[in-house]
Amino acid sequence: MRAFFCQTPISDGGCTEPTIHLEGFGGIMKAKPINATLFSTFVFLGLFLAACTPKCIIKGRVVDAETQYPIEGAAVAIRWYENQDCNGSAKNRTIGVDQGLSDAEGTFKFPHHQDKNYVMGVYKEGYICWSSRSSFSNGARSVAVPKTDSPVQNDMVVQLERLKGGHSEDQHASFTVLVAEEVTTSKQSPFYQAIKPLFKRWRDNLREEFKKTFSRQRSPQPELNPAR
């Protein structure tokens, strides 16, 4: 048996309405006519959902860079976006943000928006924050060093390096907040909740630096040519 649509003429006018016909062993059976507006709505909705729905699921793992053991409870966030040209200035529009925590096997997964730009971050307490866009630069003037975007693909493995004594915790806090700003759109997000202690450290350091700068500006300046 097969089903097909056709347009059935309406007796009192020249318009037609869509009708379902079923063709089987006993011939062709005509089903109840479908309202044209309702039929068009379902078709449009189906096409819209097909265009907006991610095509597949990306699955990956978070592991310790030294031991290769899985890391449970790592915060994973990825922001999908597309570039836009607004009156000559380049901007990007966020398509969606996916977040979660790695499980006991270090596994995470999220929808994959094909042909879209992305920036991804992974954080776990005791480890250096990971970004698909930049690397932590310990001791350098800039806390982030640009790198070639790490590809987001199925069965990807994110290796986290441990934060050791030689690393600047203040700089790492600044780097982690920078990554959070790139991969999330809200400070109430799960990723921001995971980095809360580092965000507080970064904010306190910023306040202290502001106080020092403000104090220097208000302090009296020595005279260049003192009277003799």
N, C-alpha and C. Protein backbone atom coordinates (compact mmCIF):
# COMPACT_ATOMS: atom_id res chain seq x y z
N MET A 1 0.85 -1.19 0.00
CA MET A 1 0.00 0.00 0.00
C MET A 1 0.89 1.24 0.00
N ARG A 2 0.47 2.28 -0.74
CA ARG A 2 1.21 3.53 -0.73
C ARG A 2 0.23 4.69 -0.63
N ALA A 3 0.73 5.80 -0.07
CA ALA A 3 -0.10 6.99 0.10
C ALA A 3 0.48 8.11 -0.74
N PHE A 4 -0.43 8.95 -1.30
CA PHE A 4 0.03 10.11 -2.06
C PHE A 4 -1.00 11.21 -1.93
N PHE A 5 -0.50 12.45 -2.16
CA PHE A 5 -1.35 13.62 -2.08
C PHE A 5 -1.78 14.03 -3.49
N CYS A 6 -2.95 14.63 -3.57
CA CYS A 6 -3.36 15.24 -4.83
C CYS A 6 -4.32 16.38 -4.51
N GLN A 7 -4.53 17.24 -5.46
CA GLN A 7 -5.41 18.37 -5.29
C GLN A 7 -6.79 18.00 -5.83
N THR A 8 -7.82 18.03 -4.99
CA THR A 8 -9.18 17.68 -5.38
C THR A 8 -9.99 18.95 -5.64
N PRO A 9 -10.61 19.11 -6.83
CA PRO A 9 -11.38 20.31 -7.11
C PRO A 9 -12.57 20.42 -6.16
N ILE A 10 -12.85 21.65 -5.70
CA ILE A 10 -14.01 21.92 -4.87
C ILE A 10 -15.18 22.26 -5.78
N SER A 11 -16.34 21.65 -5.51
CA SER A 11 -17.46 21.70 -6.44
C SER A 11 -17.99 23.12 -6.67
N ASP A 12 -17.92 23.99 -5.66
CA ASP A 12 -18.53 25.30 -5.81
C ASP A 12 -17.53 26.39 -6.19
N GLY A 13 -16.40 26.04 -6.67
CA GLY A 13 -15.42 27.06 -7.06
C GLY A 13 -14.28 26.45 -7.82
N GLY A 14 -13.30 27.32 -8.14
CA GLY A 14 -12.18 26.84 -8.94
C GLY A 14 -10.98 26.43 -8.11
N CYS A 15 -11.07 26.56 -6.77
CA CYS A 15 -9.93 26.22 -5.92
C CYS A 15 -9.85 24.72 -5.72
N THR A 16 -8.74 24.29 -5.20
CA THR A 16 -8.55 22.87 -4.91
C THR A 16 -8.07 22.72 -3.49
N GLU A 17 -8.22 21.52 -2.93
CA GLU A 17 -7.74 21.26 -1.58
C GLU A 17 -6.96 19.96 -1.57
N PRO A 18 -5.86 19.89 -0.74
CA PRO A 18 -5.05 18.67 -0.70
C PRO A 18 -5.82 17.52 -0.07
N THR A 19 -5.71 16.33 -0.67
CA THR A 19 -6.40 15.14 -0.19
C THR A 19 -5.43 13.97 -0.17
N ILE A 20 -5.50 13.13 0.86
CA ILE A 20 -4.68 11.93 0.94
C ILE A 20 -5.41 10.78 0.26
N HIS A 21 -4.71 10.07 -0.63
CA HIS A 21 -5.25 8.88 -1.28
C HIS A 21 -4.40 7.69 -0.90
N LEU A 22 -5.04 6.58 -0.59
CA LEU A 22 -4.35 5.35 -0.26
C LEU A 22 -4.57 4.34 -1.36
N GLU A 23 -3.50 3.84 -1.93
CA GLU A 23 -3.60 2.86 -3.00
C GLU A 23 -3.19 1.50 -2.47
N GLY A 24 -4.09 0.54 -2.52
CA GLY A 24 -3.79 -0.78 -2.00
C GLY A 24 -4.32 -1.86 -2.92
N PHE A 25 -4.52 -3.05 -2.34
CA PHE A 25 -4.97 -4.18 -3.16
C PHE A 25 -6.41 -3.97 -3.63
N GLY A 26 -7.18 -3.25 -2.88
CA GLY A 26 -8.58 -3.08 -3.25
C GLY A 26 -8.85 -1.86 -4.10
N GLY A 27 -7.85 -1.23 -4.63
CA GLY A 27 -8.03 -0.04 -5.44
C GLY A 27 -7.57 1.19 -4.70
N ILE A 28 -8.14 2.32 -5.01
CA ILE A 28 -7.75 3.58 -4.41
C ILE A 28 -8.84 4.06 -3.48
N MET A 29 -8.47 4.38 -2.25
CA MET A 29 -9.41 4.91 -1.27
C MET A 29 -9.09 6.36 -1.01
N LYS A 30 -10.09 7.18 -0.97
CA LYS A 30 -9.93 8.61 -0.74
C LYS A 30 -10.18 8.90 0.73
N ALA A 31 -9.19 9.55 1.38
CA ALA A 31 -9.33 9.91 2.79
C ALA A 31 -9.94 11.30 2.91
N LYS A 32 -10.17 11.69 4.13
CA LYS A 32 -10.79 12.98 4.39
C LYS A 32 -9.86 14.10 3.94
N PRO A 33 -10.37 15.13 3.28
CA PRO A 33 -9.53 16.24 2.83
C PRO A 33 -8.85 16.93 4.01
N ILE A 34 -7.63 17.44 3.74
CA ILE A 34 -6.86 18.15 4.75
C ILE A 34 -7.04 19.64 4.55
N ASN A 35 -7.20 20.36 5.64
CA ASN A 35 -7.27 21.81 5.54
C ASN A 35 -5.97 22.34 4.95
N ALA A 36 -6.07 23.17 3.92
CA ALA A 36 -4.89 23.63 3.19
C ALA A 36 -3.95 24.42 4.09
N THR A 37 -4.49 25.26 4.96
CA THR A 37 -3.65 26.06 5.85
C THR A 37 -2.89 25.18 6.83
N LEU A 38 -3.62 24.18 7.38
CA LEU A 38 -2.99 23.27 8.33
C LEU A 38 -1.89 22.45 7.66
N PHE A 39 -2.17 22.00 6.45
CA PHE A 39 -1.19 21.22 5.69
C PHE A 39 0.08 22.04 5.44
N SER A 40 -0.09 23.31 5.03
CA SER A 40 1.06 24.17 4.75
C SER A 40 1.86 24.44 6.01
N THR A 41 1.15 24.57 7.14
CA THR A 41 1.83 24.84 8.41
C THR A 41 2.72 23.68 8.81
N PHE A 42 2.22 22.45 8.65
CA PHE A 42 3.01 21.27 9.00
C PHE A 42 4.24 21.14 8.10
N VAL A 43 4.06 21.43 6.82
CA VAL A 43 5.19 21.35 5.89
C VAL A 43 6.26 22.36 6.25
N PHE A 44 5.85 23.61 6.53
CA PHE A 44 6.80 24.67 6.89
C PHE A 44 7.52 24.34 8.19
N LEU A 45 6.76 23.83 9.19
CA LEU A 45 7.36 23.49 10.47
C LEU A 45 8.38 22.37 10.32
N GLY A 46 8.07 21.39 9.49
CA GLY A 46 9.00 20.29 9.27
C GLY A 46 10.30 20.76 8.64
N LEU A 47 10.18 21.65 7.63
CA LEU A 47 11.38 22.17 6.98
C LEU A 47 12.19 23.03 7.93
N PHE A 48 11.52 23.81 8.77
CA PHE A 48 12.21 24.68 9.73
C PHE A 48 13.00 23.86 10.74
N LEU A 49 12.37 22.83 11.28
CA LEU A 49 13.04 22.00 12.28
C LEU A 49 14.21 21.24 11.66
N ALA A 50 14.04 20.81 10.42
CA ALA A 50 15.13 20.09 9.75
C ALA A 50 16.33 20.99 9.55
N ALA A 51 16.08 22.27 9.29
CA ALA A 51 17.17 23.21 9.04
C ALA A 51 17.87 23.60 10.34
N CYS A 52 17.15 23.65 11.46
CA CYS A 52 17.71 24.14 12.71
C CYS A 52 18.28 23.04 13.59
N THR A 53 17.88 21.81 13.39
CA THR A 53 18.31 20.73 14.26
C THR A 53 19.74 20.30 13.95
N PRO A 54 20.62 20.18 14.99
CA PRO A 54 21.97 19.69 14.75
C PRO A 54 21.94 18.32 14.10
N LYS A 55 22.92 18.07 13.24
CA LYS A 55 22.91 16.84 12.45
C LYS A 55 23.38 15.63 13.23
N CYS A 56 24.28 15.83 14.23
CA CYS A 56 24.79 14.68 14.95
C CYS A 56 25.25 15.10 16.34
N ILE A 57 25.68 14.13 17.12
CA ILE A 57 26.15 14.36 18.47
C ILE A 57 27.65 14.13 18.53
N ILE A 58 28.35 15.10 19.11
CA ILE A 58 29.79 14.97 19.31
C ILE A 58 30.04 14.38 20.69
N LYS A 59 30.86 13.36 20.75
CA LYS A 59 31.20 12.70 22.00
C LYS A 59 32.71 12.73 22.20
N GLY A 60 33.15 13.08 23.40
CA GLY A 60 34.58 13.16 23.67
C GLY A 60 34.91 12.78 25.09
N ARG A 61 36.20 12.86 25.45
CA ARG A 61 36.65 12.48 26.79
C ARG A 61 37.64 13.52 27.31
N VAL A 62 37.63 13.69 28.64
CA VAL A 62 38.60 14.55 29.32
C VAL A 62 39.51 13.64 30.14
N VAL A 63 40.83 13.76 29.92
CA VAL A 63 41.77 12.88 30.62
C VAL A 63 42.91 13.71 31.22
N ASP A 64 43.60 13.11 32.17
CA ASP A 64 44.81 13.70 32.75
C ASP A 64 45.93 13.57 31.72
N ALA A 65 46.63 14.67 31.44
CA ALA A 65 47.66 14.66 30.40
C ALA A 65 48.82 13.73 30.73
N GLU A 66 49.10 13.53 32.02
CA GLU A 66 50.23 12.70 32.42
C GLU A 66 49.85 11.23 32.54
N THR A 67 48.76 10.96 33.23
CA THR A 67 48.39 9.57 33.50
C THR A 67 47.43 8.98 32.47
N GLN A 68 46.77 9.87 31.71
CA GLN A 68 45.75 9.47 30.74
C GLN A 68 44.50 8.87 31.41
N TYR A 69 44.40 9.04 32.73
CA TYR A 69 43.21 8.58 33.43
C TYR A 69 42.06 9.56 33.16
N PRO A 70 40.83 9.05 33.10
CA PRO A 70 39.69 9.94 32.87
C PRO A 70 39.48 10.90 34.03
N ILE A 71 38.99 12.09 33.74
CA ILE A 71 38.71 13.10 34.75
C ILE A 71 37.20 13.28 34.86
N GLU A 72 36.68 12.99 36.04
CA GLU A 72 35.25 13.13 36.28
C GLU A 72 34.93 14.52 36.81
N GLY A 73 33.80 15.06 36.40
CA GLY A 73 33.35 16.35 36.92
C GLY A 73 34.00 17.56 36.29
N ALA A 74 34.66 17.39 35.14
CA ALA A 74 35.23 18.54 34.44
C ALA A 74 34.11 19.33 33.77
N ALA A 75 34.14 20.64 33.93
CA ALA A 75 33.13 21.50 33.29
C ALA A 75 33.51 21.71 31.83
N VAL A 76 32.57 21.39 30.95
CA VAL A 76 32.78 21.51 29.51
C VAL A 76 31.74 22.46 28.95
N ALA A 77 32.18 23.44 28.18
CA ALA A 77 31.25 24.39 27.56
C ALA A 77 31.72 24.71 26.15
N ILE A 78 30.76 24.84 25.25
CA ILE A 78 31.07 25.21 23.88
C ILE A 78 30.01 26.19 23.39
N ARG A 79 30.48 27.26 22.77
CA ARG A 79 29.56 28.27 22.22
C ARG A 79 29.67 28.24 20.70
N TRP A 80 28.52 28.07 20.06
CA TRP A 80 28.45 28.07 18.60
C TRP A 80 28.02 29.46 18.13
N TYR A 81 28.66 29.96 17.09
CA TYR A 81 28.33 31.30 16.62
C TYR A 81 28.58 31.41 15.12
N GLU A 82 28.06 32.46 14.54
CA GLU A 82 28.32 32.76 13.14
C GLU A 82 28.69 34.23 13.01
N ASN A 83 29.57 34.53 12.08
CA ASN A 83 30.03 35.90 11.88
C ASN A 83 29.00 36.71 11.12
N GLN A 84 28.90 37.97 11.50
CA GLN A 84 27.98 38.89 10.83
C GLN A 84 28.69 40.20 10.54
N ASP A 85 28.30 40.82 9.44
CA ASP A 85 28.86 42.11 9.08
C ASP A 85 27.78 43.17 9.30
N CYS A 86 27.92 43.94 10.38
CA CYS A 86 26.93 44.95 10.73
C CYS A 86 27.48 46.34 10.43
N ASN A 87 27.05 46.90 9.32
CA ASN A 87 27.49 48.25 8.92
C ASN A 87 29.00 48.38 8.88
N GLY A 88 29.63 47.38 8.31
CA GLY A 88 31.07 47.42 8.14
C GLY A 88 31.87 46.92 9.33
N SER A 89 31.24 46.65 10.47
CA SER A 89 31.94 46.14 11.64
C SER A 89 31.63 44.66 11.82
N ALA A 90 32.67 43.89 12.03
CA ALA A 90 32.51 42.44 12.16
C ALA A 90 32.01 42.09 13.56
N LYS A 91 30.92 41.36 13.65
CA LYS A 91 30.38 40.88 14.91
C LYS A 91 30.01 39.41 14.76
N ASN A 92 29.75 38.75 15.86
CA ASN A 92 29.30 37.37 15.78
C ASN A 92 28.03 37.18 16.57
N ARG A 93 27.18 36.33 16.07
CA ARG A 93 25.89 36.04 16.69
C ARG A 93 25.92 34.64 17.28
N THR A 94 25.62 34.53 18.58
CA THR A 94 25.63 33.24 19.24
C THR A 94 24.43 32.41 18.78
N ILE A 95 24.70 31.20 18.33
CA ILE A 95 23.66 30.27 17.90
C ILE A 95 23.16 29.44 19.08
N GLY A 96 24.09 29.03 19.92
CA GLY A 96 23.72 28.23 21.08
C GLY A 96 24.93 27.95 21.95
N VAL A 97 24.68 27.63 23.21
CA VAL A 97 25.74 27.27 24.16
C VAL A 97 25.37 25.93 24.78
N ASP A 98 26.29 24.98 24.73
CA ASP A 98 26.08 23.66 25.32
C ASP A 98 27.09 23.47 26.44
N GLN A 99 26.61 23.01 27.61
CA GLN A 99 27.45 22.85 28.78
C GLN A 99 27.11 21.56 29.51
N GLY A 100 28.08 21.10 30.28
CA GLY A 100 27.84 19.90 31.06
C GLY A 100 29.10 19.51 31.83
N LEU A 101 29.01 18.39 32.56
CA LEU A 101 30.13 17.87 33.32
C LEU A 101 30.49 16.49 32.79
N SER A 102 31.77 16.18 32.76
CA SER A 102 32.21 14.86 32.32
C SER A 102 31.82 13.81 33.37
N ASP A 103 31.51 12.61 32.90
CA ASP A 103 31.08 11.55 33.81
C ASP A 103 32.29 10.79 34.36
N ALA A 104 32.02 9.66 35.00
CA ALA A 104 33.09 8.87 35.63
C ALA A 104 34.13 8.38 34.64
N GLU A 105 33.75 8.26 33.39
CA GLU A 105 34.68 7.84 32.34
C GLU A 105 35.32 9.03 31.64
N GLY A 106 35.03 10.23 32.16
CA GLY A 106 35.57 11.43 31.53
C GLY A 106 34.83 11.84 30.28
N THR A 107 33.68 11.21 30.04
CA THR A 107 32.95 11.42 28.78
C THR A 107 32.03 12.63 28.84
N PHE A 108 31.95 13.33 27.74
CA PHE A 108 31.00 14.43 27.57
C PHE A 108 30.43 14.34 26.16
N LYS A 109 29.29 14.96 25.94
CA LYS A 109 28.71 14.98 24.61
C LYS A 109 27.81 16.20 24.46
N PHE A 110 27.67 16.66 23.21
CA PHE A 110 26.84 17.82 22.91
C PHE A 110 26.48 17.79 21.43
N PRO A 111 25.42 18.49 21.04
CA PRO A 111 25.03 18.54 19.63
C PRO A 111 26.09 19.25 18.80
N HIS A 112 26.23 18.79 17.57
CA HIS A 112 27.21 19.38 16.65
C HIS A 112 26.49 20.22 15.60
N HIS A 113 26.79 21.51 15.58
CA HIS A 113 26.24 22.40 14.57
C HIS A 113 27.25 22.48 13.42
N GLN A 114 27.01 21.74 12.37
CA GLN A 114 27.96 21.68 11.27
C GLN A 114 28.08 23.02 10.57
N ASP A 115 29.30 23.29 10.09
CA ASP A 115 29.60 24.51 9.33
C ASP A 115 29.41 25.77 10.15
N LYS A 116 29.47 25.68 11.48
CA LYS A 116 29.36 26.85 12.34
C LYS A 116 30.67 27.04 13.11
N ASN A 117 30.94 28.28 13.46
CA ASN A 117 32.13 28.58 14.26
C ASN A 117 31.89 28.19 15.72
N TYR A 118 32.96 28.00 16.46
CA TYR A 118 32.81 27.56 17.84
C TYR A 118 34.03 28.00 18.65
N VAL A 119 33.86 28.06 19.96
CA VAL A 119 34.97 28.18 20.90
C VAL A 119 34.59 27.32 22.09
N MET A 120 35.52 26.51 22.54
CA MET A 120 35.24 25.50 23.56
C MET A 120 36.21 25.64 24.72
N GLY A 121 35.71 25.41 25.94
CA GLY A 121 36.56 25.46 27.12
C GLY A 121 36.29 24.30 28.06
N VAL A 122 37.33 23.85 28.77
CA VAL A 122 37.20 22.75 29.73
C VAL A 122 37.97 23.15 31.00
N TYR A 123 37.32 22.98 32.15
CA TYR A 123 37.99 23.33 33.41
C TYR A 123 37.70 22.29 34.48
N LYS A 124 38.75 21.98 35.25
CA LYS A 124 38.63 21.13 36.43
C LYS A 124 39.59 21.65 37.48
N GLU A 125 39.11 21.78 38.71
CA GLU A 125 39.95 22.30 39.79
C GLU A 125 41.24 21.49 39.89
N GLY A 126 42.37 22.19 39.99
CA GLY A 126 43.67 21.53 40.09
C GLY A 126 44.36 21.37 38.76
N TYR A 127 43.65 21.74 37.68
CA TYR A 127 44.21 21.62 36.34
C TYR A 127 44.22 22.98 35.64
N ILE A 128 45.07 23.10 34.61
CA ILE A 128 45.10 24.32 33.80
C ILE A 128 43.89 24.32 32.88
N CYS A 129 43.17 25.42 32.87
CA CYS A 129 42.00 25.54 32.01
C CYS A 129 42.39 25.35 30.55
N TRP A 130 41.56 24.62 29.81
CA TRP A 130 41.83 24.31 28.39
C TRP A 130 40.88 25.10 27.50
N SER A 131 41.42 25.63 26.42
CA SER A 131 40.62 26.35 25.44
C SER A 131 40.97 25.88 24.04
N SER A 132 39.95 25.83 23.19
CA SER A 132 40.20 25.44 21.79
C SER A 132 40.86 26.57 21.02
N ARG A 133 40.86 27.77 21.58
CA ARG A 133 41.34 28.96 20.86
C ARG A 133 42.70 29.45 21.33
N SER A 134 43.04 29.24 22.60
CA SER A 134 44.29 29.78 23.13
C SER A 134 44.86 28.87 24.21
N SER A 135 46.14 29.13 24.55
CA SER A 135 46.82 28.36 25.59
C SER A 135 47.24 29.29 26.72
N PHE A 136 47.32 28.74 27.93
CA PHE A 136 47.75 29.52 29.08
C PHE A 136 49.24 29.81 28.98
N SER A 137 49.59 31.09 29.11
CA SER A 137 50.98 31.52 29.03
C SER A 137 51.47 31.88 30.42
N ASN A 138 52.16 30.97 31.07
CA ASN A 138 52.59 31.18 32.44
C ASN A 138 53.77 32.15 32.50
N GLY A 139 53.61 33.23 33.27
CA GLY A 139 54.71 34.16 33.48
C GLY A 139 54.85 35.23 32.42
N ALA A 140 54.16 35.09 31.28
CA ALA A 140 54.26 36.09 30.22
C ALA A 140 53.35 37.26 30.53
N ARG A 141 53.58 38.37 29.81
CA ARG A 141 52.76 39.56 30.04
C ARG A 141 51.30 39.29 29.69
N SER A 142 51.09 38.57 28.58
CA SER A 142 49.74 38.18 28.18
C SER A 142 49.45 36.78 28.70
N VAL A 143 48.28 36.60 29.34
CA VAL A 143 47.98 35.30 29.95
C VAL A 143 47.57 34.26 28.92
N ALA A 144 47.22 34.70 27.70
CA ALA A 144 46.75 33.78 26.67
C ALA A 144 47.61 33.90 25.41
N VAL A 145 47.94 32.76 24.85
CA VAL A 145 48.69 32.71 23.60
C VAL A 145 47.79 32.08 22.54
N PRO A 146 47.51 32.78 21.44
CA PRO A 146 46.63 32.21 20.40
C PRO A 146 47.22 30.92 19.84
N LYS A 147 46.33 30.00 19.49
CA LYS A 147 46.77 28.76 18.87
C LYS A 147 45.77 28.38 17.78
N THR A 148 46.16 27.44 16.94
CA THR A 148 45.25 26.95 15.91
C THR A 148 44.09 26.24 16.59
N ASP A 149 42.87 26.58 16.18
CA ASP A 149 41.69 25.99 16.81
C ASP A 149 41.76 24.47 16.83
N SER A 150 41.56 23.89 18.01
CA SER A 150 41.48 22.43 18.11
C SER A 150 40.18 21.96 17.48
N PRO A 151 40.24 20.99 16.59
CA PRO A 151 39.02 20.54 15.91
C PRO A 151 38.04 19.87 16.87
N VAL A 152 36.77 20.24 16.75
CA VAL A 152 35.71 19.58 17.51
C VAL A 152 35.18 18.44 16.67
N GLN A 153 35.42 17.23 17.11
CA GLN A 153 35.02 16.06 16.34
C GLN A 153 34.69 14.90 17.27
N ASN A 154 34.02 13.92 16.72
CA ASN A 154 33.63 12.77 17.53
C ASN A 154 34.86 12.01 18.03
N ASP A 155 34.77 11.52 19.25
CA ASP A 155 35.86 10.78 19.91
C ASP A 155 37.08 11.65 20.19
N MET A 156 36.88 12.96 20.27
CA MET A 156 38.00 13.85 20.61
C MET A 156 38.42 13.63 22.05
N VAL A 157 39.69 13.88 22.34
CA VAL A 157 40.23 13.72 23.69
C VAL A 157 40.87 15.04 24.11
N VAL A 158 40.40 15.57 25.23
CA VAL A 158 40.95 16.80 25.80
C VAL A 158 41.86 16.42 26.96
N GLN A 159 43.14 16.76 26.85
CA GLN A 159 44.11 16.43 27.87
C GLN A 159 44.39 17.66 28.75
N LEU A 160 44.10 17.53 30.03
CA LEU A 160 44.31 18.63 30.96
C LEU A 160 45.63 18.45 31.70
N GLU A 161 46.42 19.52 31.75
CA GLU A 161 47.68 19.51 32.48
C GLU A 161 47.45 20.00 33.90
N ARG A 162 48.15 19.40 34.83
CA ARG A 162 47.98 19.78 36.23
C ARG A 162 48.58 21.16 36.50
N LEU A 163 47.91 21.93 37.36
CA LEU A 163 48.41 23.23 37.80
C LEU A 163 49.44 22.98 38.89
N LYS A 164 50.69 23.35 38.63
CA LYS A 164 51.78 23.03 39.56
C LYS A 164 52.30 24.29 40.24
N GLY A 165 53.24 24.08 41.16
CA GLY A 165 53.75 25.18 41.97
C GLY A 165 54.39 26.30 41.16
N GLY A 166 54.96 25.96 40.02
CA GLY A 166 55.63 26.97 39.21
C GLY A 166 54.69 27.85 38.42
N HIS A 167 53.41 27.52 38.41
CA HIS A 167 52.43 28.31 37.67
C HIS A 167 51.91 29.46 38.52
N SER A 168 51.69 30.59 37.88
CA SER A 168 51.13 31.74 38.57
C SER A 168 49.62 31.54 38.72
N GLU A 169 49.15 31.42 39.96
CA GLU A 169 47.73 31.21 40.18
C GLU A 169 46.91 32.44 39.81
N ASP A 170 47.48 33.62 40.00
CA ASP A 170 46.77 34.84 39.62
C ASP A 170 46.59 34.92 38.11
N GLN A 171 47.64 34.62 37.37
CA GLN A 171 47.54 34.63 35.91
C GLN A 171 46.60 33.55 35.41
N HIS A 172 46.63 32.40 36.06
CA HIS A 172 45.75 31.32 35.63
C HIS A 172 44.29 31.69 35.89
N ALA A 173 44.04 32.40 36.99
CA ALA A 173 42.68 32.86 37.26
C ALA A 173 42.21 33.81 36.16
N SER A 174 43.08 34.72 35.74
CA SER A 174 42.73 35.66 34.67
C SER A 174 42.46 34.92 33.36
N PHE A 175 43.29 33.92 33.07
CA PHE A 175 43.11 33.15 31.84
C PHE A 175 41.79 32.38 31.87
N THR A 176 41.47 31.79 32.99
CA THR A 176 40.25 31.00 33.11
C THR A 176 39.01 31.87 32.94
N VAL A 177 39.02 33.07 33.52
CA VAL A 177 37.90 33.99 33.35
C VAL A 177 37.78 34.41 31.90
N LEU A 178 38.91 34.61 31.23
CA LEU A 178 38.89 34.95 29.80
C LEU A 178 38.22 33.85 28.99
N VAL A 179 38.55 32.60 29.29
CA VAL A 179 37.94 31.46 28.58
C VAL A 179 36.44 31.41 28.87
N ALA A 180 36.05 31.63 30.12
CA ALA A 180 34.63 31.60 30.49
C ALA A 180 33.84 32.66 29.72
N GLU A 181 34.43 33.84 29.55
CA GLU A 181 33.76 34.90 28.81
C GLU A 181 33.55 34.52 27.34
N GLU A 182 34.44 33.70 26.82
CA GLU A 182 34.35 33.30 25.41
C GLU A 182 33.33 32.19 25.18
N VAL A 183 33.22 31.27 26.13
CA VAL A 183 32.42 30.06 25.88
C VAL A 183 31.02 30.11 26.48
N THR A 184 30.73 31.13 27.30
CA THR A 184 29.40 31.22 27.92
C THR A 184 28.80 32.59 27.64
N THR A 185 27.51 32.71 27.95
CA THR A 185 26.81 33.99 27.78
C THR A 185 26.19 34.48 29.09
N SER A 186 26.43 33.75 30.18
CA SER A 186 25.83 34.12 31.46
C SER A 186 26.75 33.72 32.62
N LYS A 187 26.84 34.57 33.61
CA LYS A 187 27.64 34.26 34.79
C LYS A 187 26.91 33.30 35.72
N GLN A 188 25.68 32.94 35.38
CA GLN A 188 24.94 31.94 36.14
C GLN A 188 25.07 30.55 35.51
N SER A 189 25.89 30.43 34.49
CA SER A 189 26.03 29.17 33.77
C SER A 189 26.81 28.14 34.59
N PRO A 190 26.67 26.85 34.28
CA PRO A 190 27.41 25.82 35.00
C PRO A 190 28.92 26.01 34.93
N PHE A 191 29.43 26.49 33.80
CA PHE A 191 30.88 26.69 33.66
C PHE A 191 31.35 27.76 34.63
N TYR A 192 30.60 28.87 34.72
CA TYR A 192 30.97 29.93 35.64
C TYR A 192 30.87 29.47 37.09
N GLN A 193 29.90 28.63 37.39
CA GLN A 193 29.79 28.11 38.76
C GLN A 193 31.00 27.27 39.12
N ALA A 194 31.55 26.56 38.13
CA ALA A 194 32.71 25.70 38.37
C ALA A 194 33.96 26.53 38.64
N ILE A 195 34.08 27.70 38.00
CA ILE A 195 35.28 28.52 38.16
C ILE A 195 35.07 29.63 39.20
N LYS A 196 34.04 29.53 40.00
CA LYS A 196 33.68 30.60 40.94
C LYS A 196 34.86 31.05 41.81
N PRO A 197 35.65 30.13 42.41
CA PRO A 197 36.80 30.57 43.22
C PRO A 197 37.82 31.38 42.40
N LEU A 198 38.04 30.97 41.16
CA LEU A 198 39.00 31.69 40.32
C LEU A 198 38.45 33.04 39.90
N PHE A 199 37.15 33.10 39.68
CA PHE A 199 36.54 34.39 39.33
C PHE A 199 36.68 35.37 40.50
N LYS A 200 36.47 34.89 41.72
CA LYS A 200 36.62 35.74 42.90
C LYS A 200 38.07 36.21 43.03
N ARG A 201 39.02 35.32 42.79
CA ARG A 201 40.44 35.69 42.87
C ARG A 201 40.76 36.76 41.83
N TRP A 202 40.29 36.57 40.61
CA TRP A 202 40.53 37.55 39.54
C TRP A 202 39.91 38.90 39.88
N ARG A 203 38.68 38.90 40.41
CA ARG A 203 37.99 40.14 40.75
C ARG A 203 38.70 40.87 41.88
N ASP A 204 39.16 40.12 42.91
CA ASP A 204 39.87 40.74 44.02
C ASP A 204 41.19 41.35 43.55
N ASN A 205 41.90 40.65 42.67
CA ASN A 205 43.16 41.18 42.14
C ASN A 205 42.91 42.46 41.34
N LEU A 206 41.80 42.47 40.59
CA LEU A 206 41.46 43.64 39.80
C LEU A 206 41.17 44.84 40.70
N ARG A 207 40.48 44.60 41.80
CA ARG A 207 40.18 45.68 42.74
C ARG A 207 41.45 46.21 43.39
N GLU A 208 42.35 45.32 43.77
CA GLU A 208 43.61 45.76 44.39
C GLU A 208 44.43 46.58 43.41
N GLU A 209 44.47 46.15 42.16
CA GLU A 209 45.22 46.90 41.15
C GLU A 209 44.61 48.28 40.93
N PHE A 210 43.30 48.35 40.96
CA PHE A 210 42.63 49.65 40.80
C PHE A 210 42.95 50.57 41.97
N LYS A 211 42.95 50.03 43.20
CA LYS A 211 43.26 50.82 44.37
C LYS A 211 44.68 51.38 44.29
N LYS A 212 45.62 50.54 43.86
CA LYS A 212 47.01 50.99 43.74
C LYS A 212 47.13 52.10 42.71
N THR A 213 46.47 51.92 41.58
CA THR A 213 46.53 52.93 40.53
C THR A 213 45.90 54.23 40.99
N PHE A 214 44.77 54.13 41.66
CA PHE A 214 44.07 55.32 42.15
C PHE A 214 44.89 56.03 43.23
N SER A 215 45.56 55.25 44.08
CA SER A 215 46.38 55.83 45.14
C SER A 215 47.58 56.58 44.56
N ARG A 216 48.20 56.03 43.52
CA ARG A 216 49.34 56.70 42.89
C ARG A 216 48.92 58.01 42.24
N GLN A 217 47.74 58.01 41.66
CA GLN A 217 47.27 59.22 41.00
C GLN A 217 46.96 60.33 41.99
N ARG A 218 46.56 59.97 43.22
CA ARG A 218 46.19 60.97 44.21
C ARG A 218 47.35 61.41 45.09
N SER A 219 48.42 60.66 45.08
CA SER A 219 49.57 61.01 45.93
C SER A 219 50.24 62.26 45.40
N PRO A 220 50.73 63.19 46.30
CA PRO A 220 51.37 64.43 45.85
C PRO A 220 52.65 64.16 45.08
N GLN A 221 52.84 64.89 44.00
CA GLN A 221 54.01 64.72 43.17
C GLN A 221 55.14 65.62 43.67
N PRO A 222 56.37 65.14 43.69
CA PRO A 222 57.50 65.97 44.14
C PRO A 222 57.76 67.11 43.17
N GLU A 223 58.18 68.26 43.71
CA GLU A 223 58.48 69.39 42.87
C GLU A 223 59.73 69.14 42.06
N LEU A 224 59.67 69.54 40.79
CA LEU A 224 60.81 69.32 39.91
C LEU A 224 61.93 70.30 40.17
N ASN A 225 61.59 71.57 40.53
CA ASN A 225 62.60 72.60 40.78
C ASN A 225 62.36 73.23 42.15
N PRO A 226 62.77 72.55 43.21
CA PRO A 226 62.54 73.09 44.54
C PRO A 226 63.27 74.42 44.75
N ALA A 227 62.62 75.31 45.47
CA ALA A 227 63.23 76.61 45.71
C ALA A 227 64.41 76.48 46.65
N ARG A 228 65.45 77.24 46.36
CA ARG A 228 66.65 77.19 47.21
C ARG A 228 66.70 78.43 48.10
